[in-house]
Amino acid sequence: MNRLLIIFISLLTLATGCRFFKGDPYKNTTTTGKASIGADETFRPVVEAEIDVFKAIYGFTVFNTQYVPANEAFDLLLKDSVQLIITSRELKKDEIAFFHQKKLYPRQTLVAIDAIALIVNPSNKDSLITLDQIQDILTGKISKWNQLNPSSPAEPIQVVFDNKESGIVQFMNDSICKGKMATSNVFALDFNKDVIDYTATHPGTLGFIGASWITNRNDSLHLSFHKRIKVMSVSQEKNPQLSDYYKPYQAYMVDNIYPLTRNIYLINTEPRNGLATGFSAFVASDKGQRIILKSGILPAIAPTRVVNIRKDI
């Protein structure tokens, strides 16, 4: 009876605990309160996973998260509409100077390495492509599939991005095309999911998408992708052998073995340590990095796992 009474009192305390909470449970601290976040939509699967776990640990938290193109995320930060953004580049010198004038000192934290995956319809015969060929496609020098592979049909290559203002477009234009990306055969939708849906139903499409969107969550080793699309292997060699092509697996994101990789940063302009600062610290912590590892992209600080080997069972 005593044991049952203890259990009953414990359950009653848990059920009514909020009534006896003194003060504001949503007071702004590193583990409670409210925070406004702007995140590049490419990273939505990772950001949602991080927020879900953080809220499960620290109950009194509210995140107003906007998943937007990369340029819009920076605009939100500069307008003070959000305190934290998740994006694929650091602040420029003039942006840092802007915040310094307002007596704000942004903290920029590298938390992950993302890969840009190239996807095609499963019926497409092509599965290998080089960086030079990607550049030629995006600059208009190559426009048909048979220019990549003579056995492929002479159909136009329809390039599809998630959004014209996305970080993927910026990366491909700046790093691969040197600012000379053509627009005649390039189209933009709204979201990464749209690129998957469109590619899955249009055989002539070459889609560009964040790697976390195509990871098979049932595959703990992240060696398989969505069955609705086919992921191309990419080589940065001029005259590659078959062994020089790589898919956007986590192991190949290390040291840029897979050539289309980019960093993911948290940029925090919170003037005092509040929820945005606490969330940033969580994502950079061992627990937050393990969530990134599970998402299919590469954490900035790879969590280690200790394995004990026994001589006998």
C-alpha atoms as a PDB file:
ATOM      1  CA  MET A   1       0.000   0.000   0.000  1.00  0.00           C
ATOM      2  CA  ASN A   2       2.849   2.374   0.836  1.00  0.00           C
ATOM      3  CA  ARG A   3       4.408   1.720  -2.565  1.00  0.00           C
ATOM      4  CA  LEU A   4       1.109   2.410  -4.344  1.00  0.00           C
ATOM      5  CA  LEU A   5       0.696   5.623  -2.352  1.00  0.00           C
ATOM      6  CA  ILE A   6       4.156   6.824  -3.394  1.00  0.00           C
ATOM      7  CA  ILE A   7       3.425   6.093  -7.056  1.00  0.00           C
ATOM      8  CA  PHE A   8       0.082   7.930  -6.823  1.00  0.00           C
ATOM      9  CA  ILE A   9       1.675  11.004  -5.239  1.00  0.00           C
ATOM     10  CA  SER A  10       4.443  11.005  -7.870  1.00  0.00           C
ATOM     11  CA  LEU A  11       1.967  10.888 -10.741  1.00  0.00           C
ATOM     12  CA  LEU A  12      -0.151  13.618  -9.139  1.00  0.00           C
ATOM     13  CA  THR A  13       2.921  15.812  -8.742  1.00  0.00           C
ATOM     14  CA  LEU A  14       3.909  15.341 -12.398  1.00  0.00           C
ATOM     15  CA  ALA A  15       0.377  16.067 -13.599  1.00  0.00           C
ATOM     16  CA  THR A  16      -0.029  19.249 -11.592  1.00  0.00           C
ATOM     17  CA  GLY A  17       3.569  20.398 -11.430  1.00  0.00           C
ATOM     18  CA  CYS A  18       3.054  23.283 -13.836  1.00  0.00           C
ATOM     19  CA  ARG A  19       0.456  24.836 -11.508  1.00  0.00           C
ATOM     20  CA  PHE A  20       3.076  25.260  -8.782  1.00  0.00           C
ATOM     21  CA  PHE A  21       5.851  26.554 -11.110  1.00  0.00           C
ATOM     22  CA  LYS A  22       6.994  29.872  -9.708  1.00  0.00           C
ATOM     23  CA  GLY A  23       7.795  32.563 -12.248  1.00  0.00           C
ATOM     24  CA  ASP A  24       7.589  32.490 -16.037  1.00  0.00           C
ATOM     25  CA  PRO A  25       8.536  29.022 -17.359  1.00  0.00           C
ATOM     26  CA  TYR A  26       9.291  30.621 -20.720  1.00  0.00           C
ATOM     27  CA  LYS A  27      11.759  33.141 -19.324  1.00  0.00           C
ATOM     28  CA  ASN A  28      14.537  33.628 -21.872  1.00  0.00           C
ATOM     29  CA  THR A  29      17.525  31.511 -20.853  1.00  0.00           C
ATOM     30  CA  THR A  30      19.781  29.128 -22.741  1.00  0.00           C
ATOM     31  CA  THR A  31      17.282  26.283 -22.203  1.00  0.00           C
ATOM     32  CA  THR A  32      13.931  28.083 -21.954  1.00  0.00           C
ATOM     33  CA  GLY A  33      12.101  30.855 -23.734  1.00  0.00           C
ATOM     34  CA  LYS A  34      11.470  31.732 -27.347  1.00  0.00           C
ATOM     35  CA  ALA A  35      13.790  32.057 -30.330  1.00  0.00           C
ATOM     36  CA  SER A  36      13.297  33.045 -33.962  1.00  0.00           C
ATOM     37  CA  ILE A  37      15.359  31.091 -36.475  1.00  0.00           C
ATOM     38  CA  GLY A  38      15.896  31.404 -40.219  1.00  0.00           C
ATOM     39  CA  ALA A  39      17.162  28.225 -41.889  1.00  0.00           C
ATOM     40  CA  ASP A  40      18.165  27.477 -45.449  1.00  0.00           C
ATOM     41  CA  GLU A  41      15.378  25.160 -46.613  1.00  0.00           C
ATOM     42  CA  THR A  42      18.019  22.713 -47.880  1.00  0.00           C
ATOM     43  CA  PHE A  43      18.858  21.883 -44.271  1.00  0.00           C
ATOM     44  CA  ARG A  44      15.269  21.469 -43.059  1.00  0.00           C
ATOM     45  CA  PRO A  45      15.469  17.721 -42.225  1.00  0.00           C
ATOM     46  CA  VAL A  46      18.510  18.297 -40.007  1.00  0.00           C
ATOM     47  CA  VAL A  47      17.180  21.443 -38.312  1.00  0.00           C
ATOM     48  CA  GLU A  48      13.803  19.840 -37.557  1.00  0.00           C
ATOM     49  CA  ALA A  49      15.541  16.815 -36.001  1.00  0.00           C
ATOM     50  CA  GLU A  50      17.723  19.058 -33.805  1.00  0.00           C
ATOM     51  CA  ILE A  51      14.745  21.153 -32.634  1.00  0.00           C
ATOM     52  CA  ASP A  52      12.632  18.079 -31.869  1.00  0.00           C
ATOM     53  CA  VAL A  53      15.294  16.575 -29.607  1.00  0.00           C
ATOM     54  CA  PHE A  54      16.088  19.915 -27.934  1.00  0.00           C
ATOM     55  CA  LYS A  55      12.410  20.499 -27.122  1.00  0.00           C
ATOM     56  CA  ALA A  56      12.079  16.954 -25.796  1.00  0.00           C
ATOM     57  CA  ILE A  57      14.922  17.647 -23.347  1.00  0.00           C
ATOM     58  CA  TYR A  58      14.001  21.214 -22.428  1.00  0.00           C
ATOM     59  CA  GLY A  59      10.232  21.524 -22.317  1.00  0.00           C
ATOM     60  CA  PHE A  60       9.623  25.250 -22.011  1.00  0.00           C
ATOM     61  CA  THR A  61      10.877  26.299 -25.440  1.00  0.00           C
ATOM     62  CA  VAL A  62       9.237  27.801 -28.495  1.00  0.00           C
ATOM     63  CA  PHE A  63      11.036  28.034 -31.852  1.00  0.00           C
ATOM     64  CA  ASN A  64       9.606  30.234 -34.574  1.00  0.00           C
ATOM     65  CA  THR A  65      11.469  28.713 -37.499  1.00  0.00           C
ATOM     66  CA  GLN A  66      11.290  29.993 -41.070  1.00  0.00           C
ATOM     67  CA  TYR A  67      12.637  27.670 -43.779  1.00  0.00           C
ATOM     68  CA  VAL A  68      13.613  29.996 -46.601  1.00  0.00           C
ATOM     69  CA  PRO A  69      16.151  30.392 -49.437  1.00  0.00           C
ATOM     70  CA  ALA A  70      19.673  31.260 -48.270  1.00  0.00           C
ATOM     71  CA  ASN A  71      19.535  34.919 -49.345  1.00  0.00           C
ATOM     72  CA  GLU A  72      16.276  35.431 -47.491  1.00  0.00           C
ATOM     73  CA  ALA A  73      17.764  33.937 -44.318  1.00  0.00           C
ATOM     74  CA  PHE A  74      20.491  36.595 -44.358  1.00  0.00           C
ATOM     75  CA  ASP A  75      17.906  39.312 -45.005  1.00  0.00           C
ATOM     76  CA  LEU A  76      15.953  38.163 -41.950  1.00  0.00           C
ATOM     77  CA  LEU A  77      19.101  38.328 -39.825  1.00  0.00           C
ATOM     78  CA  LEU A  78      20.078  41.787 -41.083  1.00  0.00           C
ATOM     79  CA  LYS A  79      16.539  43.067 -40.402  1.00  0.00           C
ATOM     80  CA  ASP A  80      16.665  41.627 -36.866  1.00  0.00           C
ATOM     81  CA  SER A  81      13.649  39.434 -37.648  1.00  0.00           C
ATOM     82  CA  VAL A  82      15.559  36.379 -36.362  1.00  0.00           C
ATOM     83  CA  GLN A  83      18.412  35.896 -33.893  1.00  0.00           C
ATOM     84  CA  LEU A  84      19.887  32.807 -35.505  1.00  0.00           C
ATOM     85  CA  ILE A  85      20.299  31.473 -39.038  1.00  0.00           C
ATOM     86  CA  ILE A  86      21.515  28.135 -40.406  1.00  0.00           C
ATOM     87  CA  THR A  87      23.193  28.603 -43.767  1.00  0.00           C
ATOM     88  CA  SER A  88      26.023  27.522 -46.062  1.00  0.00           C
ATOM     89  CA  ARG A  89      28.283  30.577 -45.885  1.00  0.00           C
ATOM     90  CA  GLU A  90      29.740  32.866 -43.271  1.00  0.00           C
ATOM     91  CA  LEU A  91      28.985  36.565 -42.982  1.00  0.00           C
ATOM     92  CA  LYS A  92      30.749  38.878 -45.417  1.00  0.00           C
ATOM     93  CA  LYS A  93      32.942  41.716 -44.147  1.00  0.00           C
ATOM     94  CA  ASP A  94      30.322  44.372 -44.842  1.00  0.00           C
ATOM     95  CA  GLU A  95      27.666  42.299 -43.031  1.00  0.00           C
ATOM     96  CA  ILE A  96      29.904  41.937 -39.985  1.00  0.00           C
ATOM     97  CA  ALA A  97      30.579  45.696 -40.053  1.00  0.00           C
ATOM     98  CA  PHE A  98      26.822  46.316 -40.166  1.00  0.00           C
ATOM     99  CA  PHE A  99      26.283  44.323 -36.970  1.00  0.00           C
ATOM    100  CA  HIS A 100      29.270  45.912 -35.236  1.00  0.00           C
ATOM    101  CA  GLN A 101      27.720  49.330 -35.864  1.00  0.00           C
ATOM    102  CA  LYS A 102      24.658  48.098 -33.956  1.00  0.00           C
ATOM    103  CA  LYS A 103      26.898  46.845 -31.118  1.00  0.00           C
ATOM    104  CA  LEU A 104      26.148  43.241 -32.053  1.00  0.00           C
ATOM    105  CA  TYR A 105      28.933  40.687 -32.382  1.00  0.00           C
ATOM    106  CA  PRO A 106      27.836  37.633 -34.385  1.00  0.00           C
ATOM    107  CA  ARG A 107      29.076  34.209 -33.381  1.00  0.00           C
ATOM    108  CA  GLN A 108      29.610  31.862 -36.316  1.00  0.00           C
ATOM    109  CA  THR A 109      29.880  28.138 -35.648  1.00  0.00           C
ATOM    110  CA  LEU A 110      30.744  25.429 -38.166  1.00  0.00           C
ATOM    111  CA  VAL A 111      28.457  22.504 -37.339  1.00  0.00           C
ATOM    112  CA  ALA A 112      28.340  20.234 -40.403  1.00  0.00           C
ATOM    113  CA  ILE A 113      29.446  19.485 -43.954  1.00  0.00           C
ATOM    114  CA  ASP A 114      26.692  19.093 -46.518  1.00  0.00           C
ATOM    115  CA  ALA A 115      26.818  17.546 -49.983  1.00  0.00           C
ATOM    116  CA  ILE A 116      24.961  18.656 -53.093  1.00  0.00           C
ATOM    117  CA  ALA A 117      23.562  15.570 -54.770  1.00  0.00           C
ATOM    118  CA  LEU A 118      22.745  15.245 -58.475  1.00  0.00           C
ATOM    119  CA  ILE A 119      19.624  13.191 -59.093  1.00  0.00           C
ATOM    120  CA  VAL A 120      17.994  11.807 -62.239  1.00  0.00           C
ATOM    121  CA  ASN A 121      14.958   9.755 -63.090  1.00  0.00           C
ATOM    122  CA  PRO A 122      15.456   5.984 -62.473  1.00  0.00           C
ATOM    123  CA  SER A 123      14.952   5.330 -66.201  1.00  0.00           C
ATOM    124  CA  ASN A 124      17.959   7.506 -67.082  1.00  0.00           C
ATOM    125  CA  LYS A 125      20.926   5.447 -68.373  1.00  0.00           C
ATOM    126  CA  ASP A 126      23.478   7.957 -67.133  1.00  0.00           C
ATOM    127  CA  SER A 127      24.881   7.498 -63.643  1.00  0.00           C
ATOM    128  CA  LEU A 128      28.372   9.034 -63.979  1.00  0.00           C
ATOM    129  CA  ILE A 129      29.282  12.687 -64.460  1.00  0.00           C
ATOM    130  CA  THR A 130      32.382  14.875 -64.042  1.00  0.00           C
ATOM    131  CA  LEU A 131      32.734  18.377 -62.621  1.00  0.00           C
ATOM    132  CA  ASP A 132      33.719  19.628 -66.076  1.00  0.00           C
ATOM    133  CA  GLN A 133      30.539  18.159 -67.554  1.00  0.00           C
ATOM    134  CA  ILE A 134      28.459  19.750 -64.790  1.00  0.00           C
ATOM    135  CA  GLN A 135      30.060  23.101 -65.557  1.00  0.00           C
ATOM    136  CA  ASP A 136      29.408  22.664 -69.289  1.00  0.00           C
ATOM    137  CA  ILE A 137      25.744  21.839 -68.615  1.00  0.00           C
ATOM    138  CA  LEU A 138      25.212  24.819 -66.325  1.00  0.00           C
ATOM    139  CA  THR A 139      26.992  27.226 -68.684  1.00  0.00           C
ATOM    140  CA  GLY A 140      25.079  25.988 -71.750  1.00  0.00           C
ATOM    141  CA  LYS A 141      27.878  24.155 -73.586  1.00  0.00           C
ATOM    142  CA  ILE A 142      26.155  20.817 -73.129  1.00  0.00           C
ATOM    143  CA  SER A 143      22.383  20.741 -73.588  1.00  0.00           C
ATOM    144  CA  LYS A 144      21.481  17.125 -74.505  1.00  0.00           C
ATOM    145  CA  TRP A 145      21.957  13.807 -72.777  1.00  0.00           C
ATOM    146  CA  ASN A 146      23.696  12.166 -75.741  1.00  0.00           C
ATOM    147  CA  GLN A 147      26.495  14.725 -75.371  1.00  0.00           C
ATOM    148  CA  LEU A 148      27.303  13.065 -72.066  1.00  0.00           C
ATOM    149  CA  ASN A 149      26.783   9.517 -73.257  1.00  0.00           C
ATOM    150  CA  PRO A 150      26.386   8.607 -76.955  1.00  0.00           C
ATOM    151  CA  SER A 151      24.034   5.760 -76.028  1.00  0.00           C
ATOM    152  CA  SER A 152      21.636   8.177 -74.329  1.00  0.00           C
ATOM    153  CA  PRO A 153      18.752   9.760 -76.242  1.00  0.00           C
ATOM    154  CA  ALA A 154      19.205  13.160 -77.888  1.00  0.00           C
ATOM    155  CA  GLU A 155      16.817  14.764 -75.416  1.00  0.00           C
ATOM    156  CA  PRO A 156      17.333  18.126 -73.711  1.00  0.00           C
ATOM    157  CA  ILE A 157      18.808  18.163 -70.216  1.00  0.00           C
ATOM    158  CA  GLN A 158      16.371  19.992 -67.983  1.00  0.00           C
ATOM    159  CA  VAL A 159      18.282  21.332 -64.958  1.00  0.00           C
ATOM    160  CA  VAL A 160      16.124  21.843 -61.860  1.00  0.00           C
ATOM    161  CA  PHE A 161      17.071  23.590 -58.606  1.00  0.00           C
ATOM    162  CA  ASP A 162      15.091  24.000 -55.413  1.00  0.00           C
ATOM    163  CA  ASN A 163      14.841  27.806 -55.549  1.00  0.00           C
ATOM    164  CA  LYS A 164      16.508  30.544 -57.579  1.00  0.00           C
ATOM    165  CA  GLU A 165      17.707  32.206 -54.343  1.00  0.00           C
ATOM    166  CA  SER A 166      18.918  28.996 -52.714  1.00  0.00           C
ATOM    167  CA  GLY A 167      22.397  28.327 -51.398  1.00  0.00           C
ATOM    168  CA  ILE A 168      22.747  25.452 -53.883  1.00  0.00           C
ATOM    169  CA  VAL A 169      22.286  27.836 -56.824  1.00  0.00           C
ATOM    170  CA  GLN A 170      24.785  30.260 -55.308  1.00  0.00           C
ATOM    171  CA  PHE A 171      27.342  27.510 -54.725  1.00  0.00           C
ATOM    172  CA  MET A 172      27.055  26.080 -58.241  1.00  0.00           C
ATOM    173  CA  ASN A 173      27.182  29.505 -59.858  1.00  0.00           C
ATOM    174  CA  ASP A 174      30.095  30.819 -57.801  1.00  0.00           C
ATOM    175  CA  SER A 175      32.240  27.723 -57.204  1.00  0.00           C
ATOM    176  CA  ILE A 176      31.593  25.639 -60.312  1.00  0.00           C
ATOM    177  CA  CYS A 177      30.513  28.086 -63.036  1.00  0.00           C
ATOM    178  CA  LYS A 178      32.624  31.062 -61.881  1.00  0.00           C
ATOM    179  CA  GLY A 179      29.585  33.315 -62.175  1.00  0.00           C
ATOM    180  CA  LYS A 180      28.687  32.240 -65.724  1.00  0.00           C
ATOM    181  CA  MET A 181      25.655  30.012 -65.139  1.00  0.00           C
ATOM    182  CA  ALA A 182      23.251  30.055 -68.098  1.00  0.00           C
ATOM    183  CA  THR A 183      19.498  30.276 -67.638  1.00  0.00           C
ATOM    184  CA  SER A 184      18.155  28.826 -70.880  1.00  0.00           C
ATOM    185  CA  ASN A 185      17.885  25.238 -69.608  1.00  0.00           C
ATOM    186  CA  VAL A 186      17.847  25.948 -65.857  1.00  0.00           C
ATOM    187  CA  PHE A 187      14.627  26.008 -63.843  1.00  0.00           C
ATOM    188  CA  ALA A 188      13.852  26.616 -60.182  1.00  0.00           C
ATOM    189  CA  LEU A 189      10.958  25.263 -58.159  1.00  0.00           C
ATOM    190  CA  ASP A 190      10.264  26.141 -54.509  1.00  0.00           C
ATOM    191  CA  PHE A 191      11.586  23.413 -52.233  1.00  0.00           C
ATOM    192  CA  ASN A 192      13.926  20.426 -52.228  1.00  0.00           C
ATOM    193  CA  LYS A 193      10.953  18.064 -52.003  1.00  0.00           C
ATOM    194  CA  ASP A 194       9.628  19.576 -55.236  1.00  0.00           C
ATOM    195  CA  VAL A 195      12.870  18.681 -57.008  1.00  0.00           C
ATOM    196  CA  ILE A 196      12.513  15.053 -55.904  1.00  0.00           C
ATOM    197  CA  ASP A 197       8.888  14.878 -57.029  1.00  0.00           C
ATOM    198  CA  TYR A 198       9.611  16.510 -60.387  1.00  0.00           C
ATOM    199  CA  THR A 199      12.678  14.371 -61.136  1.00  0.00           C
ATOM    200  CA  ALA A 200      10.799  11.194 -60.233  1.00  0.00           C
ATOM    201  CA  THR A 201       8.199  11.915 -62.936  1.00  0.00           C
ATOM    202  CA  HIS A 202      10.286  13.616 -65.667  1.00  0.00           C
ATOM    203  CA  PRO A 203      12.961  11.415 -67.311  1.00  0.00           C
ATOM    204  CA  GLY A 204      14.999  14.275 -68.827  1.00  0.00           C
ATOM    205  CA  THR A 205      15.605  16.054 -65.525  1.00  0.00           C
ATOM    206  CA  LEU A 206      18.925  16.669 -63.778  1.00  0.00           C
ATOM    207  CA  GLY A 207      18.092  17.790 -60.241  1.00  0.00           C
ATOM    208  CA  PHE A 208      20.324  19.465 -57.656  1.00  0.00           C
ATOM    209  CA  ILE A 209      19.418  18.823 -54.033  1.00  0.00           C
ATOM    210  CA  GLY A 210      20.805  18.650 -50.498  1.00  0.00           C
ATOM    211  CA  ALA A 211      22.051  15.199 -49.513  1.00  0.00           C
ATOM    212  CA  SER A 212      19.987  15.034 -46.302  1.00  0.00           C
ATOM    213  CA  TRP A 213      16.782  15.075 -48.384  1.00  0.00           C
ATOM    214  CA  ILE A 214      17.538  11.833 -50.204  1.00  0.00           C
ATOM    215  CA  THR A 215      18.999   9.754 -47.394  1.00  0.00           C
ATOM    216  CA  ASN A 216      17.180   6.517 -46.712  1.00  0.00           C
ATOM    217  CA  ARG A 217      16.344   6.853 -42.990  1.00  0.00           C
ATOM    218  CA  ASN A 218      15.944   3.065 -42.686  1.00  0.00           C
ATOM    219  CA  ASP A 219      19.575   2.583 -43.695  1.00  0.00           C
ATOM    220  CA  SER A 220      21.773   3.131 -40.637  1.00  0.00           C
ATOM    221  CA  LEU A 221      24.930   3.182 -42.782  1.00  0.00           C
ATOM    222  CA  HIS A 222      23.485   5.739 -45.245  1.00  0.00           C
ATOM    223  CA  LEU A 223      24.537   3.698 -48.270  1.00  0.00           C
ATOM    224  CA  SER A 224      21.195   3.867 -50.061  1.00  0.00           C
ATOM    225  CA  PHE A 225      18.845   6.623 -51.182  1.00  0.00           C
ATOM    226  CA  HIS A 226      15.202   7.151 -52.077  1.00  0.00           C
ATOM    227  CA  LYS A 227      14.048   4.587 -54.642  1.00  0.00           C
ATOM    228  CA  ARG A 228      12.036   7.204 -56.549  1.00  0.00           C
ATOM    229  CA  ILE A 229      15.181   8.783 -57.967  1.00  0.00           C
ATOM    230  CA  LYS A 230      18.722   7.769 -58.954  1.00  0.00           C
ATOM    231  CA  VAL A 231      21.761   9.535 -57.474  1.00  0.00           C
ATOM    232  CA  MET A 232      24.645  10.218 -59.850  1.00  0.00           C
ATOM    233  CA  SER A 233      28.311   9.559 -59.051  1.00  0.00           C
ATOM    234  CA  VAL A 234      30.606  12.566 -59.529  1.00  0.00           C
ATOM    235  CA  SER A 235      34.330  12.797 -60.378  1.00  0.00           C
ATOM    236  CA  GLN A 236      36.622  15.800 -60.239  1.00  0.00           C
ATOM    237  CA  GLU A 237      39.261  14.142 -62.437  1.00  0.00           C
ATOM    238  CA  LYS A 238      39.842  15.268 -66.038  1.00  0.00           C
ATOM    239  CA  ASN A 239      40.096  11.716 -67.418  1.00  0.00           C
ATOM    240  CA  PRO A 240      38.511   9.630 -64.677  1.00  0.00           C
ATOM    241  CA  GLN A 241      38.530   5.898 -64.212  1.00  0.00           C
ATOM    242  CA  LEU A 242      35.458   4.178 -62.824  1.00  0.00           C
ATOM    243  CA  SER A 243      37.040   4.208 -59.355  1.00  0.00           C
ATOM    244  CA  ASP A 244      37.295   8.031 -59.461  1.00  0.00           C
ATOM    245  CA  TYR A 245      33.519   8.541 -59.228  1.00  0.00           C
ATOM    246  CA  TYR A 246      31.826   9.004 -55.862  1.00  0.00           C
ATOM    247  CA  LYS A 247      28.303   9.312 -54.494  1.00  0.00           C
ATOM    248  CA  PRO A 248      27.452  11.748 -51.676  1.00  0.00           C
ATOM    249  CA  TYR A 249      28.033   9.279 -48.862  1.00  0.00           C
ATOM    250  CA  GLN A 250      29.222  10.538 -45.478  1.00  0.00           C
ATOM    251  CA  ALA A 251      32.590   8.809 -45.815  1.00  0.00           C
ATOM    252  CA  TYR A 252      33.248  10.633 -49.097  1.00  0.00           C
ATOM    253  CA  MET A 253      32.406  14.066 -47.686  1.00  0.00           C
ATOM    254  CA  VAL A 254      35.597  13.912 -45.631  1.00  0.00           C
ATOM    255  CA  ASP A 255      38.474  15.801 -47.284  1.00  0.00           C
ATOM    256  CA  ASN A 256      36.214  16.635 -50.265  1.00  0.00           C
ATOM    257  CA  ILE A 257      36.557  13.177 -51.813  1.00  0.00           C
ATOM    258  CA  TYR A 258      33.039  13.803 -53.054  1.00  0.00           C
ATOM    259  CA  PRO A 259      33.652  17.128 -54.809  1.00  0.00           C
ATOM    260  CA  LEU A 260      30.357  18.968 -54.245  1.00  0.00           C
ATOM    261  CA  THR A 261      30.533  19.666 -50.513  1.00  0.00           C
ATOM    262  CA  ARG A 262      30.010  22.833 -48.505  1.00  0.00           C
ATOM    263  CA  ASN A 263      30.027  23.885 -44.870  1.00  0.00           C
ATOM    264  CA  ILE A 264      26.976  24.548 -42.704  1.00  0.00           C
ATOM    265  CA  TYR A 265      27.183  27.381 -40.177  1.00  0.00           C
ATOM    266  CA  LEU A 266      25.077  28.623 -37.303  1.00  0.00           C
ATOM    267  CA  ILE A 267      25.217  32.432 -37.162  1.00  0.00           C
ATOM    268  CA  ASN A 268      23.949  33.863 -33.882  1.00  0.00           C
ATOM    269  CA  THR A 269      23.452  37.607 -33.275  1.00  0.00           C
ATOM    270  CA  GLU A 270      21.708  37.317 -29.918  1.00  0.00           C
ATOM    271  CA  PRO A 271      22.992  40.194 -27.732  1.00  0.00           C
ATOM    272  CA  ARG A 272      22.789  38.151 -24.514  1.00  0.00           C
ATOM    273  CA  ASN A 273      22.931  34.432 -23.936  1.00  0.00           C
ATOM    274  CA  GLY A 274      19.393  33.230 -24.528  1.00  0.00           C
ATOM    275  CA  LEU A 275      17.625  30.319 -26.209  1.00  0.00           C
ATOM    276  CA  ALA A 276      19.291  30.907 -29.589  1.00  0.00           C
ATOM    277  CA  THR A 277      22.695  30.652 -27.898  1.00  0.00           C
ATOM    278  CA  GLY A 278      21.683  27.535 -25.996  1.00  0.00           C
ATOM    279  CA  PHE A 279      20.372  25.878 -29.150  1.00  0.00           C
ATOM    280  CA  SER A 280      23.608  26.746 -31.002  1.00  0.00           C
ATOM    281  CA  ALA A 281      25.635  25.134 -28.229  1.00  0.00           C
ATOM    282  CA  PHE A 282      23.394  22.052 -28.332  1.00  0.00           C
ATOM    283  CA  VAL A 283      23.839  21.558 -32.098  1.00  0.00           C
ATOM    284  CA  ALA A 284      27.626  21.866 -31.696  1.00  0.00           C
ATOM    285  CA  SER A 285      27.659  19.456 -28.745  1.00  0.00           C
ATOM    286  CA  ASP A 286      28.232  15.721 -28.937  1.00  0.00           C
ATOM    287  CA  LYS A 287      24.480  15.012 -28.835  1.00  0.00           C
ATOM    288  CA  GLY A 288      23.711  17.547 -31.555  1.00  0.00           C
ATOM    289  CA  GLN A 289      26.530  16.247 -33.726  1.00  0.00           C
ATOM    290  CA  ARG A 290      25.192  12.717 -33.434  1.00  0.00           C
ATOM    291  CA  ILE A 291      21.840  13.918 -34.730  1.00  0.00           C
ATOM    292  CA  ILE A 292      23.653  15.374 -37.766  1.00  0.00           C
ATOM    293  CA  LEU A 293      25.540  12.107 -38.240  1.00  0.00           C
ATOM    294  CA  LYS A 294      22.235  10.206 -38.279  1.00  0.00           C
ATOM    295  CA  SER A 295      20.777  12.608 -40.871  1.00  0.00           C
ATOM    296  CA  GLY A 296      23.176  11.437 -43.587  1.00  0.00           C
ATOM    297  CA  ILE A 297      25.486  14.458 -43.774  1.00  0.00           C
ATOM    298  CA  LEU A 298      28.802  14.924 -41.968  1.00  0.00           C
ATOM    299  CA  PRO A 299      29.113  16.523 -38.518  1.00  0.00           C
ATOM    300  CA  ALA A 300      31.886  19.085 -38.115  1.00  0.00           C
ATOM    301  CA  ILE A 301      33.162  17.168 -35.104  1.00  0.00           C
ATOM    302  CA  ALA A 302      32.661  13.485 -35.817  1.00  0.00           C
ATOM    303  CA  PRO A 303      31.350  11.724 -32.683  1.00  0.00           C
ATOM    304  CA  THR A 304      33.546   8.846 -31.632  1.00  0.00           C
ATOM    305  CA  ARG A 305      32.366   5.412 -30.620  1.00  0.00           C
ATOM    306  CA  VAL A 306      34.440   3.209 -28.302  1.00  0.00           C
ATOM    307  CA  VAL A 307      34.315  -0.476 -29.218  1.00  0.00           C
ATOM    308  CA  ASN A 308      35.514  -3.052 -26.665  1.00  0.00           C
ATOM    309  CA  ILE A 309      36.894  -6.226 -28.245  1.00  0.00           C
ATOM    310  CA  ARG A 310      36.673  -9.303 -26.053  1.00  0.00           C
ATOM    311  CA  LYS A 311      38.800 -12.392 -26.484  1.00  0.00           C
ATOM    312  CA  ASP A 312      35.934 -14.664 -25.613  1.00  0.00           C
ATOM    313  CA  ILE A 313      32.147 -14.539 -25.519  1.00  0.00           C
END
